[in-house]
């Protein structure tokens, strides 16, 4: 569902914003996340950040030539092919 500012009709990209990013007018309360919604979204964002960091760390370790569970698996699979 795409929300638009009632004053200038610009797209509202964040339901966390209190004011329109274009015209600066207050956004209706119905646009905002409330209580459980906000907590659920924050929890999901935190999990996504954690997962992204784990993937980034794994990739950095592989680039540095360190043994990680993923790189060990790839080495084992290569050994089985020989």
Protein backbone atom coordinates (compact mmCIF):
# COMPACT_ATOMS: atom_id res chain seq x y z
CA UNK A 1 0.00 0.00 0.00
CA UNK A 2 1.49 3.30 -1.07
CA UNK A 3 0.84 6.28 1.20
CA UNK A 4 0.73 9.86 -0.08
CA UNK A 5 0.97 13.11 1.83
CA UNK A 6 -2.50 14.65 2.06
CA UNK A 7 -1.00 18.14 1.52
CA UNK A 8 1.37 17.71 -1.43
CA UNK A 9 0.54 14.18 -2.62
CA UNK A 10 4.19 13.05 -2.50
CA UNK A 11 4.91 9.42 -1.64
CA UNK A 12 5.54 8.80 2.05
CA UNK A 13 8.50 6.42 2.19
CA UNK A 14 8.62 5.94 5.96
CA UNK A 15 5.78 5.19 8.32
CA UNK A 16 8.10 6.33 11.11
CA UNK A 17 8.08 9.94 9.92
CA UNK A 18 5.95 12.49 11.73
CA UNK A 19 6.13 15.02 8.91
CA UNK A 20 6.24 14.88 5.12
CA UNK A 21 9.79 14.89 3.78
CA UNK A 22 8.76 17.18 0.92
CA UNK A 23 6.37 19.80 2.27
CA UNK A 24 7.05 19.44 6.01
CA UNK A 25 3.38 19.18 6.96
CA UNK A 26 2.36 16.77 9.74
CA UNK A 27 1.29 13.32 8.53
CA UNK A 28 -1.91 11.72 9.83
CA UNK A 29 -1.61 9.39 12.83
CA UNK A 30 -3.02 6.57 10.70
CA UNK A 31 0.21 6.64 8.65
CA UNK A 32 2.39 5.73 11.66
CA UNK A 33 3.28 2.33 13.01
CA UNK A 34 1.89 1.86 16.50
CA UNK A 35 2.83 -0.26 19.52
CA UNK A 36 3.10 -3.89 18.49
CA UNK A 37 3.57 -2.99 14.82
CA UNK A 38 6.59 -0.81 15.58
CA UNK A 39 8.13 -3.43 17.88
CA UNK A 40 7.62 -6.19 15.31
CA UNK A 41 9.20 -4.10 12.55
CA UNK A 42 12.17 -3.16 14.78
CA UNK A 43 12.72 -6.83 15.67
CA UNK A 44 12.60 -7.83 12.00
CA UNK A 45 15.06 -5.07 11.09
CA UNK A 46 17.43 -6.14 13.85
CA UNK A 47 17.35 -9.76 12.62
CA UNK A 48 17.95 -8.62 9.06
CA UNK A 49 20.92 -6.47 10.15
CA UNK A 50 22.35 -9.43 12.10
CA UNK A 51 21.95 -11.79 9.11
CA UNK A 52 23.51 -9.26 6.75
CA UNK A 53 26.47 -8.78 9.10
CA UNK A 54 26.97 -12.56 9.34
CA UNK A 55 27.03 -12.90 5.55
CA UNK A 56 29.40 -9.95 5.26
CA UNK A 57 31.72 -11.45 7.90
CA UNK A 58 31.71 -14.83 6.12
CA UNK A 59 32.57 -13.21 2.80
CA UNK A 60 35.36 -11.18 4.36
CA UNK A 61 36.80 -14.30 5.98
CA UNK A 62 36.74 -16.17 2.68
CA UNK A 63 38.47 -13.27 0.93
CA UNK A 64 41.14 -13.33 3.63
CA UNK A 65 41.57 -17.08 3.20
CA UNK A 66 40.39 -18.01 6.66
CA UNK A 67 38.59 -21.29 7.28
CA UNK A 68 34.90 -20.70 7.83
CA UNK A 69 32.13 -23.27 7.87
CA UNK A 70 31.21 -22.27 4.31
CA UNK A 71 34.76 -22.46 2.99
CA UNK A 72 35.36 -25.78 4.76
CA UNK A 73 32.25 -27.18 3.12
CA UNK A 74 33.46 -26.07 -0.29
CA UNK A 75 36.88 -27.65 0.32
CA UNK A 76 35.26 -30.93 1.43
CA UNK A 77 33.05 -31.00 -1.66
CA UNK A 78 36.07 -30.38 -3.89
CA UNK A 79 38.01 -33.19 -2.19
CA UNK A 80 35.12 -35.61 -2.79
CA UNK A 81 35.17 -34.80 -6.50
CA UNK A 82 38.80 -35.88 -6.93
